Amino acid sequence: MTPDEIRKLAPGPELDRVVGETLFACEPGPLARLQRYSTTWAGLGLVVEEMRRRSFAFGCQEHEACWRATFEHLTDGLPDGRAAGTRAPTLFEAVCRAALLALAAQKGQQP
């Protein structure tokens, strides 16, 4: 999935499916069984925890009814310059997209 496609994912089942498949290796299946990563605090926590497990530092900031979330890769506990972030109306949405963009950047796609 390209960075532009990631930015266009709608919060809810569409974004949750991609996050589940990309971060947690969930098998495609009925949407009702998906974790709600892009709309709940519990889902947000799972995404941040998984990205930290993959050696990414997390940051977020709220400004004028918009949230910015960023994940920066760490090497030996220090930032190595590989970071990706995005803005969205909700923190949940911003975190999910930023995680996907950070993983895409690791694969050589520009965030």
C-alpha atoms as a PDB file:
ATOM      1  CA  MET A   1       0.000   0.000   0.000  1.00  0.00           C
ATOM      2  CA  THR A   2       1.401   3.405  -0.953  1.00  0.00           C
ATOM      3  CA  PRO A   3       1.619   6.368   1.438  1.00  0.00           C
ATOM      4  CA  ASP A   4      -1.113   8.169  -0.540  1.00  0.00           C
ATOM      5  CA  GLU A   5      -3.407   5.151  -0.228  1.00  0.00           C
ATOM      6  CA  ILE A   6      -2.716   5.001   3.520  1.00  0.00           C
ATOM      7  CA  ARG A   7      -3.636   8.674   3.931  1.00  0.00           C
ATOM      8  CA  LYS A   8      -6.969   8.065   2.170  1.00  0.00           C
ATOM      9  CA  LEU A   9      -8.081   5.154   4.391  1.00  0.00           C
ATOM     10  CA  ALA A  10     -11.281   5.996   6.255  1.00  0.00           C
ATOM     11  CA  PRO A  11     -11.299   5.430  10.020  1.00  0.00           C
ATOM     12  CA  GLY A  12     -13.355   2.460  11.102  1.00  0.00           C
ATOM     13  CA  PRO A  13     -13.470  -0.973   9.460  1.00  0.00           C
ATOM     14  CA  GLU A  14     -11.366   0.001   6.424  1.00  0.00           C
ATOM     15  CA  LEU A  15      -8.414   1.391   8.408  1.00  0.00           C
ATOM     16  CA  ASP A  16      -8.818  -1.250  11.145  1.00  0.00           C
ATOM     17  CA  ARG A  17      -8.517  -4.054   8.585  1.00  0.00           C
ATOM     18  CA  VAL A  18      -5.274  -2.687   7.131  1.00  0.00           C
ATOM     19  CA  VAL A  19      -3.786  -2.072  10.596  1.00  0.00           C
ATOM     20  CA  GLY A  20      -4.741  -5.594  11.694  1.00  0.00           C
ATOM     21  CA  GLU A  21      -3.206  -7.188   8.620  1.00  0.00           C
ATOM     22  CA  THR A  22      -0.054  -5.022   8.595  1.00  0.00           C
ATOM     23  CA  LEU A  23       0.825  -4.727  12.288  1.00  0.00           C
ATOM     24  CA  PHE A  24      -0.677  -7.870  13.755  1.00  0.00           C
ATOM     25  CA  ALA A  25      -0.687 -10.322  10.822  1.00  0.00           C
ATOM     26  CA  CYS A  26      -4.457 -10.790  11.172  1.00  0.00           C
ATOM     27  CA  GLU A  27      -6.010 -12.956   8.524  1.00  0.00           C
ATOM     28  CA  PRO A  28      -8.632 -11.209   6.377  1.00  0.00           C
ATOM     29  CA  GLY A  29     -12.073 -12.108   7.632  1.00  0.00           C
ATOM     30  CA  PRO A  30     -15.410 -10.769   8.792  1.00  0.00           C
ATOM     31  CA  LEU A  31     -15.205  -7.106   9.756  1.00  0.00           C
ATOM     32  CA  ALA A  32     -17.230  -7.708  12.930  1.00  0.00           C
ATOM     33  CA  ARG A  33     -14.279  -9.630  14.395  1.00  0.00           C
ATOM     34  CA  LEU A  34     -11.780  -6.810  13.869  1.00  0.00           C
ATOM     35  CA  GLN A  35     -10.247  -4.920  16.758  1.00  0.00           C
ATOM     36  CA  ARG A  36     -11.247  -1.251  16.581  1.00  0.00           C
ATOM     37  CA  TYR A  37      -7.764   0.232  16.285  1.00  0.00           C
ATOM     38  CA  SER A  38      -8.815   3.529  14.696  1.00  0.00           C
ATOM     39  CA  THR A  39     -11.748   4.414  16.947  1.00  0.00           C
ATOM     40  CA  THR A  40     -10.985   3.292  20.538  1.00  0.00           C
ATOM     41  CA  TRP A  41      -8.445   3.900  23.287  1.00  0.00           C
ATOM     42  CA  ALA A  42      -7.867   0.164  23.637  1.00  0.00           C
ATOM     43  CA  GLY A  43      -7.069  -0.123  19.929  1.00  0.00           C
ATOM     44  CA  LEU A  44      -4.789   2.904  20.035  1.00  0.00           C
ATOM     45  CA  GLY A  45      -2.893   1.341  22.933  1.00  0.00           C
ATOM     46  CA  LEU A  46      -2.360  -1.892  21.011  1.00  0.00           C
ATOM     47  CA  VAL A  47      -0.960  -0.009  18.004  1.00  0.00           C
ATOM     48  CA  VAL A  48       1.437   2.084  20.118  1.00  0.00           C
ATOM     49  CA  GLU A  49       2.556  -0.993  22.084  1.00  0.00           C
ATOM     50  CA  GLU A  50       3.262  -2.966  18.895  1.00  0.00           C
ATOM     51  CA  MET A  51       5.193  -0.088  17.327  1.00  0.00           C
ATOM     52  CA  ARG A  52       7.284   0.269  20.497  1.00  0.00           C
ATOM     53  CA  ARG A  53       7.974  -3.466  20.342  1.00  0.00           C
ATOM     54  CA  ARG A  54       9.291  -2.821  16.816  1.00  0.00           C
ATOM     55  CA  SER A  55      11.653  -0.122  18.164  1.00  0.00           C
ATOM     56  CA  PHE A  56       9.655   2.990  17.321  1.00  0.00           C
ATOM     57  CA  ALA A  57       9.269   5.986  19.627  1.00  0.00           C
ATOM     58  CA  PHE A  58       5.803   7.557  19.684  1.00  0.00           C
ATOM     59  CA  GLY A  59       4.837  11.201  19.882  1.00  0.00           C
ATOM     60  CA  CYS A  60       1.586  13.087  19.515  1.00  0.00           C
ATOM     61  CA  GLN A  61       0.363  16.650  19.663  1.00  0.00           C
ATOM     62  CA  GLU A  62      -3.050  18.307  19.483  1.00  0.00           C
ATOM     63  CA  HIS A  63      -3.388  21.642  17.711  1.00  0.00           C
ATOM     64  CA  GLU A  64      -6.517  23.486  16.603  1.00  0.00           C
ATOM     65  CA  ALA A  65      -8.871  20.479  16.600  1.00  0.00           C
ATOM     66  CA  CYS A  66      -6.345  18.325  14.762  1.00  0.00           C
ATOM     67  CA  TRP A  67      -3.991  15.613  16.018  1.00  0.00           C
ATOM     68  CA  ARG A  68      -0.492  14.834  14.799  1.00  0.00           C
ATOM     69  CA  ALA A  69       1.039  11.437  15.544  1.00  0.00           C
ATOM     70  CA  THR A  70       4.622  10.449  14.803  1.00  0.00           C
ATOM     71  CA  PHE A  71       6.623   7.251  15.010  1.00  0.00           C
ATOM     72  CA  GLU A  72      10.412   7.493  14.859  1.00  0.00           C
ATOM     73  CA  HIS A  73      12.594   4.419  14.508  1.00  0.00           C
ATOM     74  CA  LEU A  74      15.240   3.834  17.173  1.00  0.00           C
ATOM     75  CA  THR A  75      18.587   2.104  16.760  1.00  0.00           C
ATOM     76  CA  ASP A  76      20.323   1.207  20.015  1.00  0.00           C
ATOM     77  CA  GLY A  77      17.735   3.352  21.808  1.00  0.00           C
ATOM     78  CA  LEU A  78      18.474   6.499  19.787  1.00  0.00           C
ATOM     79  CA  PRO A  79      16.508   8.085  16.919  1.00  0.00           C
ATOM     80  CA  ASP A  80      18.046   7.088  13.596  1.00  0.00           C
ATOM     81  CA  GLY A  81      16.335   9.696  11.426  1.00  0.00           C
ATOM     82  CA  ARG A  82      13.636   7.426  10.051  1.00  0.00           C
ATOM     83  CA  ALA A  83      10.316   8.932  11.112  1.00  0.00           C
ATOM     84  CA  ALA A  84       6.806   9.209   9.748  1.00  0.00           C
ATOM     85  CA  GLY A  85       3.842  11.165  10.951  1.00  0.00           C
ATOM     86  CA  THR A  86       0.483  12.437   9.875  1.00  0.00           C
ATOM     87  CA  ARG A  87      -2.421  14.630  10.959  1.00  0.00           C
ATOM     88  CA  ALA A  88      -6.037  13.632  11.403  1.00  0.00           C
ATOM     89  CA  PRO A  89      -9.202  14.849  13.145  1.00  0.00           C
ATOM     90  CA  THR A  90      -8.845  12.188  15.877  1.00  0.00           C
ATOM     91  CA  LEU A  91      -5.827  10.849  17.720  1.00  0.00           C
ATOM     92  CA  PHE A  92      -6.927   7.270  16.968  1.00  0.00           C
ATOM     93  CA  GLU A  93      -6.915   7.875  13.220  1.00  0.00           C
ATOM     94  CA  ALA A  94      -3.596   9.768  13.303  1.00  0.00           C
ATOM     95  CA  VAL A  95      -1.877   6.980  15.285  1.00  0.00           C
ATOM     96  CA  CYS A  96      -3.049   4.242  12.922  1.00  0.00           C
ATOM     97  CA  ARG A  97      -2.022   6.116   9.795  1.00  0.00           C
ATOM     98  CA  ALA A  98       1.337   7.180  11.268  1.00  0.00           C
ATOM     99  CA  ALA A  99       2.113   3.557  12.179  1.00  0.00           C
ATOM    100  CA  LEU A 100       1.311   2.378   8.659  1.00  0.00           C
ATOM    101  CA  LEU A 101       3.356   5.217   7.132  1.00  0.00           C
ATOM    102  CA  ALA A 102       6.336   4.419   9.381  1.00  0.00           C
ATOM    103  CA  LEU A 103       6.274   0.769   8.328  1.00  0.00           C
ATOM    104  CA  ALA A 104       5.935   1.775   4.669  1.00  0.00           C
ATOM    105  CA  ALA A 105       8.970   4.065   5.068  1.00  0.00           C
ATOM    106  CA  GLN A 106      10.941   1.123   6.454  1.00  0.00           C
ATOM    107  CA  LYS A 107      10.191  -0.690   3.218  1.00  0.00           C
ATOM    108  CA  GLY A 108      11.621   2.215   1.241  1.00  0.00           C
ATOM    109  CA  GLN A 109       8.416   4.105   0.443  1.00  0.00           C
ATOM    110  CA  GLN A 110       8.520   7.839   1.129  1.00  0.00           C
ATOM    111  CA  PRO A 111       6.078   8.916   3.874  1.00  0.00           C
END
